[in-house]
Amino acid sequence: MMQKRVWICALSMVVLALAGCNTIPVQNKKMESFTENSGYRYGNIAPGENNSDSLLVLLTFSGGGTRAAAFCYGVLEKLRDTEVVWEGKQRRLLDEVDIISSVSGGSLPCAYYGLFGDRIFEDFSEKVLYRDIQGNIVKQVLNPFNWPKLASPLYGRSDMLGDDFSRDIFENKTYADLLQRNQRPFVVVNATDAEMGIRFDFTQRQFDMLYSDLAAYPVGNAVSASASVPGLLAPMTLNNYPKNGDYVKPEWMTQELEQKRLGTFRYRYALQADTYIKPGRRYVHLCDGGVSDNLGLLPILQILGGGFPGDIAGNPLKNGVTKKVVIITVNAKPAIKKPGWDVKGKGLGLFELIGMATSAPMSNFTDAELALMRNNVRNTSEKQQLRDKITELYGKDAVPQHFPELTGNEIDYSFIEVDFERVPDEAERTYLTTLPTSFKLTREQVDKLRAAAVEILDENPDFQQLMTEIKK
């Protein structure tokens, strides 16, 4: 009996030791050599047969666990079923989508559609939305065979989630597969640089600053980084490699740092980007993208405002090719909570305080982003109307000669917001906004979220106006 126990103990130690060998998480690889404008960038992705640069369609997918993933997926379903006519050709509105920018839960349908295209409508619901992602991770954490890995200072729950996403959802596909597919939409999966508190996107433009090759990085791990909620999941770590002699700092960054135009976005962004290039930041720690931008709207604001340097995503806007821009923002934000703390005399608990400290600023920033986008669209429209009126009254040369600030290309903008506040039925609206933001929902809850996205777009006056403009 004693000998049997010794053998069992010895065997257990061997098994645990073997399990503990795999404690190093996925590493982003160093570049073999620096090549400017290579890799996964917007300019390197072909538009596709039914995609035209004259119609620019931009989607943003918010965070919010499976609730956000299902809601955003419902929007994709609606765009698939919406036929439009552009430049005399009939196509699906979905085919015209050029960029999807996402954070957290919204990154699941964003990256999946970017990798697999229409296959998302065949297997995504069963594979992702109806799956208990959260419960699966809990089981893995409680499995003694995983304890040696989790005990490692290098490997955390976010790495385990990344391994799970890569293996069971994204089929171990990497950004090389996205590049090889070579078809829009260009997907921008956003995380947050935990030290700087700024947005970090999984594009080769961003990875250039790390002297790293994005092509070898698993898409599932990028999505996991985007969804690594602080406190629940540890930040994911990327290597920031020393720059070889062939590395060339982007020209725009050099110019901004020399000009020092204080208070401008481009100068501030140049200062932030330069922290990756200067020696000293050996690692970059990433957490949930919602910490810096819970809508994924910042890249779109930067592209439309001409403040997304080092990429050609905004070129069609500048050279007059683009005639219409459609921005659809999918916002799975929760309901405004009823008063609770203010009617109690006792102090707040630690977890209540942490929740308030993370959610309140995020909500405020989300509202500010939406207001900025609305103002940009309205101001652009008013500017174009004024330009047209001056031209009508005084001739085509009047604007460039006397009002140069009004010069620009004629572009029509549509900004469409998809959120739960637009659900007409109060009971249904309350039901949807109080669903948890975890990665576990019932089939009924998922299906109601999908249906709500369709209903909201059907009733949205901005979307219906768009349909009258580009639909038979």
Protein backbone atom coordinates (compact mmCIF):
# COMPACT_ATOMS: atom_id res chain seq x y z
CA MET A 1 0.00 0.00 0.00
CA MET A 2 2.82 2.38 0.92
CA GLN A 3 4.63 1.60 -2.34
CA LYS A 4 1.45 2.27 -4.31
CA ARG A 5 1.06 5.68 -2.66
CA VAL A 6 4.67 6.52 -3.45
CA TRP A 7 4.11 5.63 -7.10
CA ILE A 8 0.92 7.72 -7.26
CA CYS A 9 2.68 10.66 -5.62
CA ALA A 10 5.65 10.36 -7.96
CA LEU A 11 3.39 10.10 -11.00
CA SER A 12 1.43 13.15 -9.89
CA MET A 13 4.63 15.16 -9.49
CA VAL A 14 5.77 14.16 -12.98
CA VAL A 15 2.42 15.15 -14.49
CA LEU A 16 2.43 18.49 -12.70
CA ALA A 17 6.02 19.12 -13.74
CA LEU A 18 5.17 18.40 -17.36
CA ALA A 19 2.15 20.67 -17.16
CA GLY A 20 4.31 23.35 -15.64
CA CYS A 21 6.74 23.29 -18.55
CA ASN A 22 4.26 25.17 -20.70
CA THR A 23 4.25 28.36 -18.64
CA ILE A 24 5.49 30.78 -21.25
CA PRO A 25 2.61 32.59 -22.99
CA VAL A 26 2.44 33.38 -26.69
CA GLN A 27 5.24 35.78 -27.59
CA ASN A 28 5.13 38.42 -30.29
CA LYS A 29 8.12 37.82 -32.56
CA LYS A 30 10.88 40.22 -33.45
CA MET A 31 11.10 41.42 -37.03
CA GLU A 32 13.77 39.82 -39.16
CA SER A 33 14.23 43.22 -40.78
CA PHE A 34 12.26 46.43 -40.96
CA THR A 35 10.28 47.00 -44.13
CA GLU A 36 8.17 50.13 -44.28
CA ASN A 37 4.52 49.73 -45.38
CA SER A 38 4.53 45.91 -45.27
CA GLY A 39 2.27 43.64 -43.25
CA TYR A 40 -1.30 44.00 -42.05
CA ARG A 41 -2.23 47.59 -42.94
CA TYR A 42 -5.31 49.08 -44.52
CA GLY A 43 -3.43 49.94 -47.69
CA ASN A 44 -2.40 46.31 -48.16
CA ILE A 45 -5.94 44.88 -48.05
CA ALA A 46 -7.83 44.70 -51.33
CA PRO A 47 -11.34 46.20 -51.46
CA GLY A 48 -13.02 43.18 -53.00
CA GLU A 49 -15.31 42.79 -55.99
CA ASN A 50 -18.32 44.55 -54.42
CA ASN A 51 -16.46 47.19 -52.44
CA SER A 52 -15.78 50.67 -53.77
CA ASP A 53 -13.66 53.48 -52.32
CA SER A 54 -16.34 55.98 -53.33
CA LEU A 55 -18.56 54.55 -50.55
CA LEU A 56 -16.70 54.24 -47.25
CA VAL A 57 -18.52 52.19 -44.60
CA LEU A 58 -17.00 52.13 -41.12
CA LEU A 59 -18.28 50.03 -38.21
CA THR A 60 -17.37 50.28 -34.53
CA PHE A 61 -18.18 47.48 -32.08
CA SER A 62 -18.29 48.23 -28.36
CA GLY A 63 -17.34 46.14 -25.37
CA GLY A 64 -19.70 44.26 -23.10
CA GLY A 65 -18.95 40.52 -23.13
CA THR A 66 -21.29 38.16 -24.98
CA ARG A 67 -24.01 40.82 -24.82
CA ALA A 68 -21.91 43.08 -27.06
CA ALA A 69 -20.81 40.18 -29.29
CA ALA A 70 -24.41 39.12 -29.94
CA PHE A 71 -25.63 42.67 -30.48
CA CYS A 72 -22.84 43.42 -32.96
CA TYR A 73 -23.44 40.10 -34.70
CA GLY A 74 -27.08 41.09 -35.16
CA VAL A 75 -25.94 44.25 -36.96
CA LEU A 76 -23.79 42.16 -39.31
CA GLU A 77 -26.84 39.99 -40.03
CA LYS A 78 -28.89 43.08 -40.87
CA LEU A 79 -26.20 44.50 -43.18
CA ARG A 80 -25.98 41.12 -44.91
CA ASP A 81 -29.71 41.21 -45.62
CA THR A 82 -29.75 44.84 -46.77
CA GLU A 83 -29.47 45.27 -50.54
CA VAL A 84 -28.22 48.63 -51.81
CA VAL A 85 -27.43 50.14 -55.19
CA TRP A 86 -24.20 52.09 -55.56
CA GLU A 87 -22.72 53.33 -58.82
CA GLY A 88 -25.39 51.39 -60.67
CA LYS A 89 -24.53 48.05 -59.09
CA GLN A 90 -26.64 46.09 -56.63
CA ARG A 91 -24.86 44.58 -53.65
CA ARG A 92 -25.20 43.92 -49.94
CA LEU A 93 -24.41 46.82 -47.64
CA LEU A 94 -22.16 44.38 -45.77
CA ASP A 95 -19.96 44.04 -48.87
CA GLU A 96 -19.19 47.76 -48.69
CA VAL A 97 -17.81 47.63 -45.13
CA ASP A 98 -14.20 48.85 -45.23
CA ILE A 99 -13.11 48.95 -41.58
CA ILE A 100 -14.37 47.44 -38.34
CA SER A 101 -12.89 48.85 -35.15
CA SER A 102 -13.66 46.89 -31.98
CA VAL A 103 -13.00 46.47 -28.29
CA SER A 104 -13.55 43.65 -25.80
CA GLY A 105 -16.67 41.54 -26.54
CA GLY A 106 -17.19 43.30 -29.87
CA SER A 107 -13.78 42.04 -31.01
CA LEU A 108 -15.12 38.47 -31.25
CA PRO A 109 -17.46 39.05 -34.24
CA CYS A 110 -15.10 41.69 -35.65
CA ALA A 111 -12.09 39.38 -35.87
CA TYR A 112 -14.17 36.34 -36.84
CA TYR A 113 -15.77 38.11 -39.77
CA GLY A 114 -12.39 39.51 -40.80
CA LEU A 115 -10.93 36.01 -40.90
CA PHE A 116 -13.79 33.88 -42.19
CA GLY A 117 -16.16 36.25 -43.98
CA ASP A 118 -19.69 34.92 -44.51
CA ARG A 119 -18.86 31.71 -42.67
CA ILE A 120 -19.67 33.73 -39.54
CA PHE A 121 -23.37 33.28 -40.36
CA GLU A 122 -23.01 29.50 -40.37
CA ASP A 123 -21.19 28.68 -37.14
CA PHE A 124 -20.53 31.77 -35.00
CA SER A 125 -23.66 31.45 -32.88
CA GLU A 126 -22.97 27.87 -31.81
CA LYS A 127 -19.23 28.31 -31.66
CA VAL A 128 -19.17 31.56 -29.69
CA LEU A 129 -22.45 33.19 -28.69
CA TYR A 130 -24.16 30.13 -27.21
CA ARG A 131 -20.93 28.92 -25.62
CA ASP A 132 -20.19 29.34 -21.92
CA ILE A 133 -16.80 30.98 -22.41
CA GLN A 134 -16.72 32.21 -18.85
CA GLY A 135 -17.54 28.81 -17.35
CA ASN A 136 -14.91 27.12 -19.48
CA ILE A 137 -12.21 29.45 -18.22
CA VAL A 138 -13.32 28.89 -14.61
CA LYS A 139 -13.05 25.12 -15.13
CA GLN A 140 -9.55 25.53 -16.52
CA VAL A 141 -8.50 27.72 -13.60
CA LEU A 142 -9.83 25.12 -11.14
CA ASN A 143 -8.14 22.24 -12.96
CA PRO A 144 -5.05 21.20 -10.90
CA PHE A 145 -3.16 20.41 -14.10
CA ASN A 146 -3.26 24.12 -14.98
CA TRP A 147 -2.10 25.37 -11.58
CA PRO A 148 1.62 25.20 -12.37
CA LYS A 149 1.05 27.38 -15.43
CA LEU A 150 -1.04 29.86 -13.50
CA ALA A 151 1.55 29.93 -10.72
CA SER A 152 4.10 31.22 -13.21
CA PRO A 153 4.68 35.00 -13.10
CA LEU A 154 4.73 34.92 -16.91
CA TYR A 155 1.40 33.19 -17.53
CA GLY A 156 -1.99 34.47 -16.38
CA ARG A 157 -5.72 34.01 -16.88
CA SER A 158 -5.71 36.35 -19.89
CA ASP A 159 -3.12 34.10 -21.57
CA MET A 160 -5.32 31.11 -20.83
CA LEU A 161 -8.27 32.96 -22.38
CA GLY A 162 -6.10 33.75 -25.40
CA ASP A 163 -5.14 30.10 -25.79
CA ASP A 164 -8.82 29.16 -25.52
CA PHE A 165 -9.86 31.73 -28.14
CA SER A 166 -7.08 30.72 -30.52
CA ARG A 167 -7.72 26.99 -30.23
CA ASP A 168 -11.51 26.77 -30.00
CA ILE A 169 -12.73 29.86 -31.87
CA PHE A 170 -10.13 31.21 -34.28
CA GLU A 171 -8.56 27.87 -35.28
CA ASN A 172 -5.04 29.07 -34.46
CA LYS A 173 -5.19 31.63 -37.26
CA THR A 174 -2.68 34.47 -37.18
CA TYR A 175 -2.51 37.92 -38.72
CA ALA A 176 -0.67 36.33 -41.62
CA ASP A 177 -3.95 34.57 -42.41
CA LEU A 178 -5.81 37.88 -42.30
CA LEU A 179 -3.25 39.36 -44.66
CA GLN A 180 -3.39 36.34 -46.96
CA ARG A 181 -7.20 36.52 -47.15
CA ASN A 182 -6.63 40.02 -48.57
CA GLN A 183 -10.20 41.23 -48.45
CA ARG A 184 -11.90 44.03 -46.61
CA PRO A 185 -13.01 44.78 -44.01
CA PHE A 186 -9.76 45.75 -42.39
CA VAL A 187 -10.21 44.87 -38.71
CA VAL A 188 -8.76 46.97 -35.91
CA VAL A 189 -8.78 45.08 -32.62
CA ASN A 190 -8.14 47.59 -29.84
CA ALA A 191 -6.65 47.05 -26.40
CA THR A 192 -5.29 49.53 -23.84
CA ASP A 193 -1.66 50.16 -22.96
CA ALA A 194 -2.06 49.72 -19.20
CA GLU A 195 0.93 51.89 -18.27
CA MET A 196 0.12 54.79 -20.59
CA GLY A 197 -3.67 54.47 -20.48
CA ILE A 198 -3.84 54.87 -24.25
CA ARG A 199 -5.35 52.87 -27.08
CA PHE A 200 -3.17 50.12 -28.59
CA ASP A 201 -4.31 48.49 -31.82
CA PHE A 202 -3.27 45.22 -33.42
CA THR A 203 -2.03 46.56 -36.76
CA GLN A 204 1.43 46.37 -38.26
CA ARG A 205 1.66 50.16 -38.03
CA GLN A 206 1.50 49.81 -34.24
CA PHE A 207 3.79 46.76 -34.14
CA ASP A 208 6.43 48.62 -36.16
CA MET A 209 7.05 50.67 -33.03
CA LEU A 210 7.80 47.44 -31.14
CA TYR A 211 10.07 46.20 -33.95
CA SER A 212 7.76 43.21 -34.01
CA ASP A 213 6.13 41.14 -36.75
CA LEU A 214 2.37 41.08 -36.27
CA ALA A 215 1.95 38.38 -38.95
CA ALA A 216 2.97 35.58 -36.58
CA TYR A 217 0.70 36.72 -33.74
CA PRO A 218 -2.50 34.70 -33.10
CA VAL A 219 -5.72 36.61 -33.70
CA GLY A 220 -7.29 34.88 -30.67
CA ASN A 221 -4.67 36.32 -28.36
CA ALA A 222 -5.25 39.80 -29.75
CA VAL A 223 -8.97 39.41 -29.01
CA SER A 224 -8.14 38.19 -25.52
CA ALA A 225 -5.98 41.25 -24.89
CA SER A 226 -8.86 43.42 -26.05
CA ALA A 227 -11.14 41.69 -23.52
CA SER A 228 -8.77 41.49 -20.52
CA VAL A 229 -10.92 43.28 -17.96
CA PRO A 230 -8.70 44.76 -15.22
CA GLY A 231 -9.13 42.90 -11.94
CA LEU A 232 -10.71 39.83 -13.51
CA LEU A 233 -7.90 39.14 -15.98
CA ALA A 234 -4.27 40.10 -15.76
CA PRO A 235 -2.82 42.28 -18.53
CA MET A 236 -1.28 40.51 -21.52
CA THR A 237 2.38 41.24 -22.16
CA LEU A 238 4.10 42.05 -25.44
CA ASN A 239 7.83 42.33 -26.04
CA ASN A 240 9.12 45.71 -27.14
CA TYR A 241 12.30 44.84 -29.02
CA PRO A 242 15.40 47.02 -29.42
CA LYS A 243 15.38 48.69 -32.81
CA ASN A 244 17.96 47.55 -35.35
CA GLY A 245 19.87 49.98 -37.50
CA ASP A 246 17.44 49.52 -40.38
CA TYR A 247 14.53 50.95 -38.39
CA VAL A 248 13.27 54.30 -39.63
CA LYS A 249 11.05 56.42 -37.42
CA PRO A 250 7.88 57.49 -39.28
CA GLU A 251 8.33 60.84 -41.01
CA TRP A 252 5.16 62.28 -39.50
CA MET A 253 6.44 61.51 -36.01
CA THR A 254 9.81 63.17 -36.64
CA GLN A 255 8.06 66.28 -37.95
CA GLU A 256 5.65 66.53 -35.03
CA LEU A 257 8.39 66.10 -32.44
CA GLU A 258 10.45 68.82 -34.12
CA GLN A 259 7.57 71.27 -34.51
CA LYS A 260 6.28 70.77 -30.94
CA ARG A 261 2.79 72.04 -31.64
CA LEU A 262 1.59 71.86 -28.05
CA GLY A 263 -2.02 70.89 -27.49
CA THR A 264 -2.54 69.23 -30.88
CA PHE A 265 -3.56 65.62 -31.17
CA ARG A 266 -0.78 64.71 -33.58
CA TYR A 267 1.95 66.08 -31.30
CA ARG A 268 0.52 64.31 -28.26
CA TYR A 269 0.21 61.08 -30.23
CA ALA A 270 3.81 61.46 -31.44
CA LEU A 271 5.01 61.79 -27.84
CA GLN A 272 3.07 58.69 -26.82
CA ALA A 273 4.26 56.66 -29.81
CA ASP A 274 7.86 57.69 -29.19
CA THR A 275 7.79 55.93 -25.80
CA TYR A 276 7.74 52.61 -27.69
CA ILE A 277 10.73 53.60 -29.79
CA LYS A 278 13.00 55.08 -27.13
CA PRO A 279 15.02 52.61 -25.02
CA GLY A 280 13.56 51.73 -21.66
CA ARG A 281 10.13 50.20 -22.30
CA ARG A 282 11.12 46.55 -22.58
CA TYR A 283 7.55 45.29 -22.31
CA VAL A 284 4.06 46.57 -23.06
CA HIS A 285 1.20 45.40 -20.86
CA LEU A 286 -2.26 45.37 -22.43
CA CYS A 287 -5.70 45.32 -20.81
CA ASP A 288 -9.30 45.70 -21.97
CA GLY A 289 -9.71 48.10 -24.89
CA GLY A 290 -12.75 49.62 -23.20
CA VAL A 291 -10.52 51.31 -20.64
CA SER A 292 -9.29 53.77 -23.28
CA ASP A 293 -12.22 53.68 -25.74
CA ASN A 294 -15.27 51.50 -25.09
CA LEU A 295 -16.79 52.20 -28.51
CA GLY A 296 -13.78 51.58 -30.75
CA LEU A 297 -14.63 54.98 -32.21
CA LEU A 298 -11.27 56.71 -31.73
CA PRO A 299 -9.60 55.27 -34.86
CA ILE A 300 -12.58 56.38 -36.94
CA LEU A 301 -12.51 59.88 -35.49
CA GLN A 302 -8.81 60.05 -36.23
CA ILE A 303 -9.20 58.84 -39.82
CA LEU A 304 -12.01 61.27 -40.60
CA GLY A 305 -10.18 64.13 -38.89
CA GLY A 306 -6.94 63.51 -40.74
CA GLY A 307 -5.23 62.65 -37.49
CA PHE A 308 -4.38 59.01 -38.12
CA PRO A 309 -0.81 59.47 -39.29
CA GLY A 310 1.31 56.86 -40.97
CA ASP A 311 -1.56 55.08 -42.70
CA ILE A 312 -3.42 55.68 -45.96
CA ALA A 313 -6.88 54.86 -44.66
CA GLY A 314 -7.88 58.49 -45.08
CA ASN A 315 -6.45 58.95 -48.58
CA PRO A 316 -9.72 58.42 -50.48
CA LEU A 317 -11.21 61.21 -48.37
CA LYS A 318 -8.39 63.58 -49.32
CA ASN A 319 -8.10 62.84 -53.02
CA GLY A 320 -11.81 63.16 -53.80
CA VAL A 321 -12.48 59.48 -54.50
CA THR A 322 -14.87 59.03 -51.57
CA LYS A 323 -18.33 60.52 -52.13
CA LYS A 324 -20.17 59.10 -49.13
CA VAL A 325 -19.10 58.00 -45.64
CA VAL A 326 -21.31 55.82 -43.44
CA ILE A 327 -20.36 55.31 -39.79
CA ILE A 328 -22.36 52.76 -37.80
CA THR A 329 -21.56 52.65 -34.09
CA VAL A 330 -22.85 49.65 -32.14
CA ASN A 331 -23.03 50.52 -28.46
CA ALA A 332 -24.00 47.76 -26.02
CA LYS A 333 -23.81 49.98 -22.96
CA PRO A 334 -25.84 48.98 -19.88
CA ALA A 335 -28.74 50.86 -18.37
CA ILE A 336 -28.18 53.85 -16.13
CA LYS A 337 -28.23 52.45 -12.62
CA LYS A 338 -30.86 53.63 -10.21
CA PRO A 339 -29.70 55.43 -7.06
CA GLY A 340 -28.47 52.99 -4.47
CA TRP A 341 -25.37 54.18 -2.66
CA ASP A 342 -26.70 57.67 -2.00
CA VAL A 343 -29.57 56.37 0.10
CA LYS A 344 -27.24 54.49 2.42
CA GLY A 345 -25.14 55.90 5.18
CA LYS A 346 -22.40 53.28 5.13
CA GLY A 347 -19.22 53.66 3.08
CA LEU A 348 -18.59 51.91 -0.20
CA GLY A 349 -16.94 48.51 -0.31
CA LEU A 350 -13.72 47.91 -2.20
CA PHE A 351 -15.32 46.10 -5.16
CA GLU A 352 -18.10 48.68 -5.41
CA LEU A 353 -15.51 51.44 -5.48
CA ILE A 354 -13.39 49.68 -8.12
CA GLY A 355 -16.47 49.14 -10.29
CA MET A 356 -17.47 52.79 -10.01
CA ALA A 357 -13.91 54.00 -10.70
CA THR A 358 -13.71 52.01 -13.94
CA SER A 359 -17.26 52.25 -15.30
CA ALA A 360 -18.09 55.91 -14.62
CA PRO A 361 -15.12 57.46 -16.52
CA MET A 362 -15.64 54.94 -19.34
CA SER A 363 -19.30 55.96 -19.67
CA ASN A 364 -18.44 59.66 -19.61
CA PHE A 365 -15.78 59.21 -22.30
CA THR A 366 -18.23 57.21 -24.43
CA ASP A 367 -20.77 60.05 -24.29
CA ALA A 368 -18.05 62.56 -25.19
CA GLU A 369 -16.96 60.48 -28.20
CA LEU A 370 -20.51 60.23 -29.50
CA ALA A 371 -21.03 63.96 -29.08
CA LEU A 372 -17.79 64.66 -30.94
CA MET A 373 -18.76 62.42 -33.83
CA ARG A 374 -22.22 64.00 -34.08
CA ASN A 375 -20.67 67.47 -34.07
CA ASN A 376 -18.11 66.50 -36.72
CA VAL A 377 -20.80 65.17 -39.04
CA ARG A 378 -23.06 68.18 -38.45
CA ASN A 379 -20.24 70.71 -38.91
CA THR A 380 -19.06 69.02 -42.10
CA SER A 381 -22.57 69.08 -43.51
CA GLU A 382 -23.09 72.74 -42.60
CA LYS A 383 -19.71 73.66 -44.08
CA GLN A 384 -20.59 71.99 -47.37
CA GLN A 385 -24.01 73.68 -47.48
CA LEU A 386 -22.38 77.06 -46.93
CA ARG A 387 -19.81 76.36 -49.63
CA ASP A 388 -22.54 75.37 -52.08
CA LYS A 389 -24.54 78.52 -51.32
CA ILE A 390 -21.55 80.82 -51.83
CA THR A 391 -20.73 79.06 -55.10
CA GLU A 392 -24.33 79.45 -56.25
CA LEU A 393 -24.39 83.17 -55.47
CA TYR A 394 -20.89 84.27 -56.43
CA GLY A 395 -19.45 81.61 -58.72
CA LYS A 396 -17.08 78.65 -58.36
CA ASP A 397 -14.00 80.84 -57.75
CA ALA A 398 -15.48 82.70 -54.80
CA VAL A 399 -14.77 79.98 -52.21
CA PRO A 400 -11.04 79.39 -52.90
CA GLN A 401 -10.39 83.12 -53.32
CA HIS A 402 -12.30 84.52 -50.36
CA PHE A 403 -13.18 81.56 -48.11
CA PRO A 404 -10.26 79.10 -48.36
CA GLU A 405 -11.22 77.57 -45.00
CA LEU A 406 -14.35 76.20 -46.70
CA THR A 407 -12.51 74.40 -49.49
CA GLY A 408 -12.66 70.62 -49.56
CA ASN A 409 -14.16 67.63 -51.29
CA GLU A 410 -17.90 67.06 -51.45
CA ILE A 411 -18.56 64.13 -49.12
CA ASP A 412 -21.91 63.15 -47.67
CA TYR A 413 -21.82 61.73 -44.14
CA SER A 414 -24.24 59.42 -42.34
CA PHE A 415 -23.75 58.64 -38.65
CA ILE A 416 -25.94 55.82 -37.37
CA GLU A 417 -26.08 54.87 -33.70
CA VAL A 418 -27.27 51.44 -32.63
CA ASP A 419 -27.92 51.22 -28.89
CA PHE A 420 -30.53 49.86 -26.51
CA GLU A 421 -32.02 53.28 -25.81
CA ARG A 422 -33.54 53.11 -29.30
CA VAL A 423 -35.65 50.04 -28.51
CA PRO A 424 -39.23 51.40 -28.52
CA ASP A 425 -40.75 48.94 -26.02
CA GLU A 426 -39.82 49.92 -22.47
CA ALA A 427 -40.01 46.41 -21.04
CA GLU A 428 -37.80 45.01 -23.79
CA ARG A 429 -35.39 47.93 -23.41
CA THR A 430 -35.08 47.30 -19.67
CA TYR A 431 -34.55 43.59 -20.30
CA LEU A 432 -31.72 44.18 -22.77
CA THR A 433 -29.91 46.88 -20.82
CA THR A 434 -29.84 44.79 -17.64
CA LEU A 435 -28.33 41.70 -19.24
CA PRO A 436 -24.93 40.87 -17.71
CA THR A 437 -21.70 41.77 -19.51
CA SER A 438 -20.20 38.37 -18.76
CA PHE A 439 -19.16 35.85 -21.41
CA LYS A 440 -22.16 33.66 -20.64
CA LEU A 441 -25.73 34.17 -21.83
CA THR A 442 -28.61 31.85 -22.57
CA ARG A 443 -29.75 31.11 -26.12
CA GLU A 444 -32.89 33.14 -25.55
CA GLN A 445 -30.88 36.16 -24.38
CA VAL A 446 -28.50 35.92 -27.34
CA ASP A 447 -31.34 35.64 -29.86
CA LYS A 448 -33.16 38.61 -28.36
CA LEU A 449 -30.01 40.72 -28.69
CA ARG A 450 -29.63 39.71 -32.34
CA ALA A 451 -33.26 40.52 -33.06
CA ALA A 452 -32.99 43.85 -31.23
CA ALA A 453 -30.15 44.98 -33.50
CA VAL A 454 -32.33 44.36 -36.57
CA GLU A 455 -35.32 46.10 -35.00
CA ILE A 456 -33.28 49.15 -34.02
CA LEU A 457 -31.88 49.61 -37.53
CA ASP A 458 -35.35 49.11 -39.05
CA GLU A 459 -36.68 51.93 -36.86
CA ASN A 460 -33.62 54.18 -36.97
CA PRO A 461 -34.43 57.33 -39.01
CA ASP A 462 -30.79 57.85 -39.97
CA PHE A 463 -30.53 54.32 -41.31
CA GLN A 464 -33.82 54.67 -43.18
CA GLN A 465 -32.59 57.93 -44.70
CA LEU A 466 -29.47 56.10 -45.85
CA MET A 467 -31.66 53.45 -47.48
CA THR A 468 -33.55 56.05 -49.48
CA GLU A 469 -30.22 57.35 -50.78
CA ILE A 470 -28.52 54.11 -51.78
CA LYS A 471 -31.30 51.54 -52.13
CA LYS A 472 -33.79 50.90 -54.92
